[in-house]
Every structure is written in structure tokens, then in C-alpha cells.
Amino acid sequence: MRYGPQYGPDITFLGVDRCDWSDAASYSDADVVILGAPFDGGTSYRSGTRFGPQYIRQACYLPHDGSRPCFLQIGLRGYWPEPQTLAWMAGQGMRSYEMTEIGARGLEECLVEASGIAMDECDGVFLSVDVDVCDPGHAPGTGTPEPGGLTARQLLDSVRRIAYELPLLGMDVVEVSPPHDHAEITSFLANRVVLEALSGIARRRVDARDGSARDRRQPLLDNRPGPG
């Protein structure tokens, strides 16, 4: 369903051509389809996330020409859900990485392990990025701010790595609540989350085509000096 300008200007992400979700022919040859869903129903505390898609689309100061230069739960913290829900999650075989574990073992080690679990008897993954995985200092505009989360840099690096190393079939970015944002910090972060995922997907396809492999210490762009 398209909401059009119901919650703000009806602009597209990066200014790319608009497609009609009800008309498969309008996106049948697309590599990626980006869908905005203005929705408040999943917020557990503050409302306002229905404005998130609009602000993610417009939070970009570069030309809107459609180009840019280049699971499991990770980051849980706080005092909920209640023990019964945690017990149910464990019973379903859900693996959660709380911030205390990430701090003790390191994000790198946890990501490697999580990626292995995600691909166990699985052909592809879906990535859901809740911006409140970040500390409120890096993402204040969210429905449920909780201190002690990831930094914006950690989130962007993690998303790009997942998109590059795993067969990413789809993703979403949720809990962006502009009414509670400051200087569009959260909107810019969510915008960059999408761009980092797209850059990881693109590089993965280039390497698959050329039979190459990227060292994560190297820049995404070719013909640039690496470390050392």
C-alpha cells in the first residue's frame, strides 16, 4: 500500500525511479527495491516512527541521482523483556547477544559467530536494523531509547560487513522517530545504514563476477592505497 504524501513529501530514496508495488512489471528488473512503511504500531514507548521513512529519504545532502560513491539479535540491553519472554526465546532456539557479552567478547567475535549461526541450513538472511541498537547519544530519535548501545560507527561497519559477507535477501530499518530526534542525527544514521548495506551488496556482486575477494581493511573503492 502506498501512503503517498499522507505523512510528508512523496519523495523517493536517492531520487531513483518510483515503482508501483501493485505492478510487478515496474520493478521486475530492479536489483533493489526500497519500500517505506510509515507505521507506529510496533513502538513500545514513544510514538512518531510513522515519520521515519520520510526523514530517511530526505536526510541526504548529495545529488539525488540514484548513485553514491563508495541475526539472531545483537545489541540487547535494558530491563525487559520479562523472564517469561526470554525463556520462550531460548526455547525457540533464538540466540541473543547482549551488550554485556559484546563488551566482554568483542563485537568482531560476536559478529563472526552470529554470521555462522545465521547461515546454518539457510540460503539467505533478512536483516532488521532497529536504530535503538545504538546508544541514544548516536540515535536519540527512537521510540525506546536505552543507554549503553552500539556506536554509529559500529552499526555502519556491521551492516556493511553483513551485506558483503552474507547473501542478504532483504532488510528493514525501524524505530526512527523524527519528533524525538535532534538535528536529524537519527535520520542521517538510518539513511547511511541503507547506503552501507547497498555498498556491501554491490561489492559482493562485483567480487562474485570478477572472482575476487575484498580484504575488509581495504577501501571499497578500487585503485586506492590500503594500510601499510
C-alpha atoms as a PDB file:
ATOM      1  CA  MET A   1       0.000   0.000   0.000  1.00  0.00           C
ATOM      2  CA  ARG A   2       1.298   3.457  -0.863  1.00  0.00           C
ATOM      3  CA  TYR A   3       0.585   6.226   1.618  1.00  0.00           C
ATOM      4  CA  GLY A   4       1.829   8.893  -0.785  1.00  0.00           C
ATOM      5  CA  PRO A   5       2.137  12.322   0.870  1.00  0.00           C
ATOM      6  CA  GLN A   6      -0.030  11.367   3.856  1.00  0.00           C
ATOM      7  CA  TYR A   7       2.909  11.815   6.241  1.00  0.00           C
ATOM      8  CA  GLY A   8       5.003  14.288   4.236  1.00  0.00           C
ATOM      9  CA  PRO A   9       6.535  14.892   0.785  1.00  0.00           C
ATOM     10  CA  ASP A  10       6.267  11.927  -1.544  1.00  0.00           C
ATOM     11  CA  ILE A  11       9.954  11.727  -2.495  1.00  0.00           C
ATOM     12  CA  THR A  12      11.944   8.620  -3.374  1.00  0.00           C
ATOM     13  CA  PHE A  13      15.133   7.322  -1.785  1.00  0.00           C
ATOM     14  CA  LEU A  14      18.136   8.752  -3.668  1.00  0.00           C
ATOM     15  CA  GLY A  15      15.723  10.125  -6.248  1.00  0.00           C
ATOM     16  CA  VAL A  16      15.556   6.793  -8.079  1.00  0.00           C
ATOM     17  CA  ASP A  17      12.611   5.960 -10.309  1.00  0.00           C
ATOM     18  CA  ARG A  18       9.404   5.213  -8.453  1.00  0.00           C
ATOM     19  CA  CYS A  19       7.814   1.796  -8.754  1.00  0.00           C
ATOM     20  CA  ASP A  20       4.259   0.681  -8.062  1.00  0.00           C
ATOM     21  CA  TRP A  21       4.143  -2.128  -5.513  1.00  0.00           C
ATOM     22  CA  SER A  22       0.939  -3.462  -7.098  1.00  0.00           C
ATOM     23  CA  ASP A  23       2.564  -3.562 -10.547  1.00  0.00           C
ATOM     24  CA  ALA A  24       5.348  -6.162 -10.582  1.00  0.00           C
ATOM     25  CA  ALA A  25       6.451  -5.031 -14.036  1.00  0.00           C
ATOM     26  CA  SER A  26       7.536  -1.668 -12.599  1.00  0.00           C
ATOM     27  CA  TYR A  27      10.312  -3.297 -10.535  1.00  0.00           C
ATOM     28  CA  SER A  28      10.869  -6.654 -12.217  1.00  0.00           C
ATOM     29  CA  ASP A  29      14.331  -5.629 -13.482  1.00  0.00           C
ATOM     30  CA  ALA A  30      15.380  -3.822 -10.290  1.00  0.00           C
ATOM     31  CA  ASP A  31      18.374  -5.033  -8.276  1.00  0.00           C
ATOM     32  CA  VAL A  32      16.975  -3.474  -5.106  1.00  0.00           C
ATOM     33  CA  VAL A  33      13.508  -2.221  -4.136  1.00  0.00           C
ATOM     34  CA  ILE A  34      13.228   0.192  -1.195  1.00  0.00           C
ATOM     35  CA  LEU A  35       9.822   0.442   0.468  1.00  0.00           C
ATOM     36  CA  GLY A  36       8.831   2.986   3.102  1.00  0.00           C
ATOM     37  CA  ALA A  37       6.226   1.867   5.633  1.00  0.00           C
ATOM     38  CA  PRO A  38       5.022   4.734   7.904  1.00  0.00           C
ATOM     39  CA  PHE A  39       3.939   2.797  10.958  1.00  0.00           C
ATOM     40  CA  ASP A  40       3.696   3.484  14.693  1.00  0.00           C
ATOM     41  CA  GLY A  41       2.124   0.219  15.831  1.00  0.00           C
ATOM     42  CA  GLY A  42       5.389  -1.534  16.684  1.00  0.00           C
ATOM     43  CA  THR A  43       6.689   1.135  19.054  1.00  0.00           C
ATOM     44  CA  SER A  44       6.813   0.079  22.684  1.00  0.00           C
ATOM     45  CA  TYR A  45       7.144   3.559  24.192  1.00  0.00           C
ATOM     46  CA  ARG A  46       7.129   6.863  22.252  1.00  0.00           C
ATOM     47  CA  SER A  47       5.141   7.385  19.064  1.00  0.00           C
ATOM     48  CA  GLY A  48       6.384   9.181  15.945  1.00  0.00           C
ATOM     49  CA  THR A  49       8.099   6.446  13.916  1.00  0.00           C
ATOM     50  CA  ARG A  50       5.495   6.870  11.159  1.00  0.00           C
ATOM     51  CA  PHE A  51       7.538   9.869  10.043  1.00  0.00           C
ATOM     52  CA  GLY A  52      10.729   7.798   9.845  1.00  0.00           C
ATOM     53  CA  PRO A  53      10.613   6.767   6.144  1.00  0.00           C
ATOM     54  CA  GLN A  54      10.092  10.367   5.028  1.00  0.00           C
ATOM     55  CA  TYR A  55      13.061  11.643   7.035  1.00  0.00           C
ATOM     56  CA  ILE A  56      15.325   8.781   5.957  1.00  0.00           C
ATOM     57  CA  ARG A  57      14.572   9.601   2.308  1.00  0.00           C
ATOM     58  CA  GLN A  58      15.130  13.321   2.675  1.00  0.00           C
ATOM     59  CA  ALA A  59      18.145  13.114   5.025  1.00  0.00           C
ATOM     60  CA  CYS A  60      20.672  13.422   2.219  1.00  0.00           C
ATOM     61  CA  TYR A  61      22.617  16.456   1.044  1.00  0.00           C
ATOM     62  CA  LEU A  62      24.151  14.841  -2.054  1.00  0.00           C
ATOM     63  CA  PRO A  63      22.534  14.978  -5.516  1.00  0.00           C
ATOM     64  CA  HIS A  64      19.506  12.736  -5.859  1.00  0.00           C
ATOM     65  CA  ASP A  65      20.783  10.979  -8.953  1.00  0.00           C
ATOM     66  CA  GLY A  66      20.400   7.423  -7.745  1.00  0.00           C
ATOM     67  CA  SER A  67      24.124   6.840  -7.162  1.00  0.00           C
ATOM     68  CA  ARG A  68      26.628   7.224  -4.358  1.00  0.00           C
ATOM     69  CA  PRO A  69      30.402   6.923  -4.158  1.00  0.00           C
ATOM     70  CA  CYS A  70      31.632   4.015  -2.161  1.00  0.00           C
ATOM     71  CA  PHE A  71      20.748 -12.370  13.054  1.00  0.00           C
ATOM     72  CA  LEU A  72      19.533 -13.719  15.868  1.00  0.00           C
ATOM     73  CA  GLN A  73      19.555 -10.419  17.956  1.00  0.00           C
ATOM     74  CA  ILE A  74      22.614  -8.291  18.534  1.00  0.00           C
ATOM     75  CA  GLY A  75      22.927  -5.418  20.981  1.00  0.00           C
ATOM     76  CA  LEU A  76      20.216  -6.208  23.529  1.00  0.00           C
ATOM     77  CA  ARG A  77      20.269  -4.381  26.853  1.00  0.00           C
ATOM     78  CA  GLY A  78      17.920  -2.833  29.388  1.00  0.00           C
ATOM     79  CA  TYR A  79      15.478  -4.433  31.788  1.00  0.00           C
ATOM     80  CA  TRP A  80      12.995  -6.128  29.506  1.00  0.00           C
ATOM     81  CA  PRO A  81      11.599  -8.357  28.125  1.00  0.00           C
ATOM     82  CA  GLU A  82      10.451 -10.190  31.198  1.00  0.00           C
ATOM     83  CA  PRO A  83      11.921 -13.602  32.191  1.00  0.00           C
ATOM     84  CA  GLN A  84       8.999 -15.488  30.651  1.00  0.00           C
ATOM     85  CA  THR A  85       9.651 -13.960  27.230  1.00  0.00           C
ATOM     86  CA  LEU A  86      13.393 -14.620  27.499  1.00  0.00           C
ATOM     87  CA  ALA A  87      12.645 -18.232  28.407  1.00  0.00           C
ATOM     88  CA  TRP A  88      10.337 -18.549  25.393  1.00  0.00           C
ATOM     89  CA  MET A  89      13.022 -17.100  23.126  1.00  0.00           C
ATOM     90  CA  ALA A  90      15.551 -19.611  24.436  1.00  0.00           C
ATOM     91  CA  GLY A  91      13.048 -22.410  23.907  1.00  0.00           C
ATOM     92  CA  GLN A  92      12.669 -21.372  20.264  1.00  0.00           C
ATOM     93  CA  GLY A  93      16.420 -21.566  19.771  1.00  0.00           C
ATOM     94  CA  MET A  94      16.817 -17.797  19.405  1.00  0.00           C
ATOM     95  CA  ARG A  95      20.379 -16.564  20.032  1.00  0.00           C
ATOM     96  CA  SER A  96      20.717 -13.125  21.588  1.00  0.00           C
ATOM     97  CA  TYR A  97      23.923 -11.142  22.045  1.00  0.00           C
ATOM     98  CA  GLU A  98      23.512  -8.699  24.904  1.00  0.00           C
ATOM     99  CA  MET A  99      25.769  -5.666  25.142  1.00  0.00           C
ATOM    100  CA  THR A 100      27.465  -7.162  28.198  1.00  0.00           C
ATOM    101  CA  GLU A 101      28.551 -10.165  26.108  1.00  0.00           C
ATOM    102  CA  ILE A 102      29.594  -7.936  23.200  1.00  0.00           C
ATOM    103  CA  GLY A 103      31.664  -5.842  25.599  1.00  0.00           C
ATOM    104  CA  ALA A 104      33.337  -8.914  27.090  1.00  0.00           C
ATOM    105  CA  ARG A 105      33.985 -10.864  23.859  1.00  0.00           C
ATOM    106  CA  GLY A 106      34.204  -8.002  21.374  1.00  0.00           C
ATOM    107  CA  LEU A 107      31.823  -7.107  18.538  1.00  0.00           C
ATOM    108  CA  GLU A 108      34.086  -8.746  15.946  1.00  0.00           C
ATOM    109  CA  GLU A 109      33.926 -12.168  17.565  1.00  0.00           C
ATOM    110  CA  CYS A 110      30.182 -11.945  18.141  1.00  0.00           C
ATOM    111  CA  LEU A 111      29.530 -10.977  14.501  1.00  0.00           C
ATOM    112  CA  VAL A 112      31.584 -13.887  13.192  1.00  0.00           C
ATOM    113  CA  GLU A 113      29.701 -16.318  15.399  1.00  0.00           C
ATOM    114  CA  ALA A 114      26.308 -14.786  14.582  1.00  0.00           C
ATOM    115  CA  SER A 115      27.014 -14.978  10.836  1.00  0.00           C
ATOM    116  CA  GLY A 116      27.802 -18.672  11.155  1.00  0.00           C
ATOM    117  CA  ILE A 117      24.578 -19.312  13.049  1.00  0.00           C
ATOM    118  CA  ALA A 118      22.556 -17.269  10.553  1.00  0.00           C
ATOM    119  CA  MET A 119      23.766 -19.365   7.616  1.00  0.00           C
ATOM    120  CA  ASP A 120      23.267 -22.743   9.294  1.00  0.00           C
ATOM    121  CA  GLU A 121      20.950 -24.673   6.940  1.00  0.00           C
ATOM    122  CA  CYS A 122      19.924 -21.360   5.374  1.00  0.00           C
ATOM    123  CA  ASP A 123      20.281 -19.989   1.833  1.00  0.00           C
ATOM    124  CA  GLY A 124      19.896 -16.309   2.698  1.00  0.00           C
ATOM    125  CA  VAL A 125      19.260 -13.859   5.509  1.00  0.00           C
ATOM    126  CA  PHE A 126      16.952 -10.957   6.287  1.00  0.00           C
ATOM    127  CA  LEU A 127      18.492  -8.109   8.281  1.00  0.00           C
ATOM    128  CA  SER A 128      16.318  -5.962  10.525  1.00  0.00           C
ATOM    129  CA  VAL A 129      18.067  -2.872  11.892  1.00  0.00           C
ATOM    130  CA  ASP A 130      16.376  -1.265  14.888  1.00  0.00           C
ATOM    131  CA  VAL A 131      18.135   2.072  15.342  1.00  0.00           C
ATOM    132  CA  ASP A 132      17.746   1.846  19.102  1.00  0.00           C
ATOM    133  CA  VAL A 133      20.530  -0.753  18.955  1.00  0.00           C
ATOM    134  CA  CYS A 134      22.684   2.373  19.090  1.00  0.00           C
ATOM    135  CA  ASP A 135      23.270   4.378  22.229  1.00  0.00           C
ATOM    136  CA  PRO A 136      20.801   7.313  22.432  1.00  0.00           C
ATOM    137  CA  GLY A 137      23.753   9.654  22.034  1.00  0.00           C
ATOM    138  CA  HIS A 138      24.108   8.298  18.485  1.00  0.00           C
ATOM    139  CA  ALA A 139      20.393   7.735  17.779  1.00  0.00           C
ATOM    140  CA  PRO A 140      18.203   9.916  20.014  1.00  0.00           C
ATOM    141  CA  GLY A 141      15.206   9.885  17.679  1.00  0.00           C
ATOM    142  CA  THR A 142      13.751   6.497  18.510  1.00  0.00           C
ATOM    143  CA  GLY A 143      10.751   5.099  20.289  1.00  0.00           C
ATOM    144  CA  THR A 144      12.614   3.263  23.036  1.00  0.00           C
ATOM    145  CA  PRO A 145      15.967   4.898  23.876  1.00  0.00           C
ATOM    146  CA  GLU A 146      18.182   2.701  26.036  1.00  0.00           C
ATOM    147  CA  PRO A 147      21.675   3.764  27.191  1.00  0.00           C
ATOM    148  CA  GLY A 148      24.701   1.592  26.590  1.00  0.00           C
ATOM    149  CA  GLY A 149      24.249   0.566  22.953  1.00  0.00           C
ATOM    150  CA  LEU A 150      26.489   0.401  19.897  1.00  0.00           C
ATOM    151  CA  THR A 151      28.095   3.470  18.399  1.00  0.00           C
ATOM    152  CA  ALA A 152      27.001   4.705  14.988  1.00  0.00           C
ATOM    153  CA  ARG A 153      30.379   3.605  13.571  1.00  0.00           C
ATOM    154  CA  GLN A 154      29.953   0.089  14.933  1.00  0.00           C
ATOM    155  CA  LEU A 155      26.478  -0.182  13.436  1.00  0.00           C
ATOM    156  CA  LEU A 156      27.502   1.043   9.985  1.00  0.00           C
ATOM    157  CA  ASP A 157      30.544  -1.249   9.874  1.00  0.00           C
ATOM    158  CA  SER A 158      28.446  -4.208  10.994  1.00  0.00           C
ATOM    159  CA  VAL A 159      25.704  -3.606   8.434  1.00  0.00           C
ATOM    160  CA  ARG A 160      28.196  -3.245   5.577  1.00  0.00           C
ATOM    161  CA  ARG A 161      30.006  -6.392   6.663  1.00  0.00           C
ATOM    162  CA  ILE A 162      26.808  -8.435   6.888  1.00  0.00           C
ATOM    163  CA  ALA A 163      25.649  -7.220   3.479  1.00  0.00           C
ATOM    164  CA  TYR A 164      29.025  -8.071   1.950  1.00  0.00           C
ATOM    165  CA  GLU A 165      29.695 -11.434   3.585  1.00  0.00           C
ATOM    166  CA  LEU A 166      26.193 -12.935   3.694  1.00  0.00           C
ATOM    167  CA  PRO A 167      23.550 -13.491   0.977  1.00  0.00           C
ATOM    168  CA  LEU A 168      21.249 -10.657   2.055  1.00  0.00           C
ATOM    169  CA  LEU A 169      17.755 -11.199   0.647  1.00  0.00           C
ATOM    170  CA  GLY A 170      16.153  -8.183   2.306  1.00  0.00           C
ATOM    171  CA  MET A 171      16.364  -5.762   5.207  1.00  0.00           C
ATOM    172  CA  ASP A 172      14.450  -3.110   7.069  1.00  0.00           C
ATOM    173  CA  VAL A 173      15.321  -0.110   9.226  1.00  0.00           C
ATOM    174  CA  VAL A 174      12.846   0.573  12.012  1.00  0.00           C
ATOM    175  CA  GLU A 175      12.181   2.747  15.080  1.00  0.00           C
ATOM    176  CA  VAL A 176      13.279   6.071  13.545  1.00  0.00           C
ATOM    177  CA  SER A 177      11.121   8.671  15.307  1.00  0.00           C
ATOM    178  CA  PRO A 178      11.815  12.199  13.940  1.00  0.00           C
ATOM    179  CA  PRO A 179       9.723  14.037  16.575  1.00  0.00           C
ATOM    180  CA  HIS A 180      12.255  12.892  19.181  1.00  0.00           C
ATOM    181  CA  ASP A 181      15.340  13.423  17.026  1.00  0.00           C
ATOM    182  CA  HIS A 182      17.907  16.192  17.395  1.00  0.00           C
ATOM    183  CA  ALA A 183      19.446  17.849  14.338  1.00  0.00           C
ATOM    184  CA  GLU A 184      18.291  14.818  12.303  1.00  0.00           C
ATOM    185  CA  ILE A 185      21.063  12.699  13.836  1.00  0.00           C
ATOM    186  CA  THR A 186      18.994   9.522  13.747  1.00  0.00           C
ATOM    187  CA  SER A 187      17.572  10.149  10.282  1.00  0.00           C
ATOM    188  CA  PHE A 188      21.073  10.591   8.868  1.00  0.00           C
ATOM    189  CA  LEU A 189      22.225   7.421  10.600  1.00  0.00           C
ATOM    190  CA  ALA A 190      19.311   5.402   9.217  1.00  0.00           C
ATOM    191  CA  ASN A 191      19.947   6.828   5.752  1.00  0.00           C
ATOM    192  CA  ARG A 192      23.577   5.727   5.972  1.00  0.00           C
ATOM    193  CA  VAL A 193      22.571   2.272   7.207  1.00  0.00           C
ATOM    194  CA  VAL A 194      20.742   1.731   3.918  1.00  0.00           C
ATOM    195  CA  LEU A 195      23.639   3.123   1.886  1.00  0.00           C
ATOM    196  CA  GLU A 196      26.184   0.932   3.689  1.00  0.00           C
ATOM    197  CA  ALA A 197      24.043  -2.135   3.052  1.00  0.00           C
ATOM    198  CA  LEU A 198      23.763  -1.257  -0.633  1.00  0.00           C
ATOM    199  CA  SER A 199      27.541  -0.753  -0.883  1.00  0.00           C
ATOM    200  CA  GLY A 200      28.147  -4.152   0.699  1.00  0.00           C
ATOM    201  CA  ILE A 201      25.711  -5.844  -1.690  1.00  0.00           C
ATOM    202  CA  ALA A 202      27.256  -4.108  -4.687  1.00  0.00           C
ATOM    203  CA  ARG A 203      30.806  -5.083  -3.730  1.00  0.00           C
ATOM    204  CA  ARG A 204      29.731  -8.667  -3.094  1.00  0.00           C
ATOM    205  CA  ARG A 205      28.313  -8.836  -6.625  1.00  0.00           C
ATOM    206  CA  VAL A 206      31.427  -7.289  -8.145  1.00  0.00           C
ATOM    207  CA  ASP A 207      33.650  -9.801  -6.379  1.00  0.00           C
ATOM    208  CA  ALA A 208      31.374 -12.689  -7.410  1.00  0.00           C
ATOM    209  CA  ARG A 209      31.565 -11.508 -11.016  1.00  0.00           C
ATOM    210  CA  ASP A 210      35.331 -10.979 -11.032  1.00  0.00           C
ATOM    211  CA  GLY A 211      36.263 -13.887  -8.800  1.00  0.00           C
ATOM    212  CA  SER A 212      37.899 -11.512  -6.343  1.00  0.00           C
ATOM    213  CA  ALA A 213      37.650 -11.160  -2.581  1.00  0.00           C
ATOM    214  CA  ARG A 214      37.852  -7.985  -0.548  1.00  0.00           C
ATOM    215  CA  ASP A 215      40.036  -7.566   2.485  1.00  0.00           C
ATOM    216  CA  ARG A 216      37.881  -5.643   4.968  1.00  0.00           C
ATOM    217  CA  ARG A 217      40.891  -3.496   5.808  1.00  0.00           C
ATOM    218  CA  GLN A 218      40.947  -2.237   2.239  1.00  0.00           C
ATOM    219  CA  PRO A 219      38.775   0.652   0.946  1.00  0.00           C
ATOM    220  CA  LEU A 220      35.643  -0.214  -1.009  1.00  0.00           C
ATOM    221  CA  LEU A 221      36.790   1.868  -3.956  1.00  0.00           C
ATOM    222  CA  ASP A 222      39.373   0.380  -6.288  1.00  0.00           C
ATOM    223  CA  ASN A 223      42.749   1.997  -7.014  1.00  0.00           C
ATOM    224  CA  ARG A 224      43.178   3.406  -3.542  1.00  0.00           C
ATOM    225  CA  PRO A 225      46.115   2.551  -1.291  1.00  0.00           C
ATOM    226  CA  GLY A 226      45.426   0.149   1.519  1.00  0.00           C
ATOM    227  CA  PRO A 227      47.019   0.017   5.005  1.00  0.00           C
ATOM    228  CA  GLY A 228      50.763  -0.022   5.347  1.00  0.00           C
END
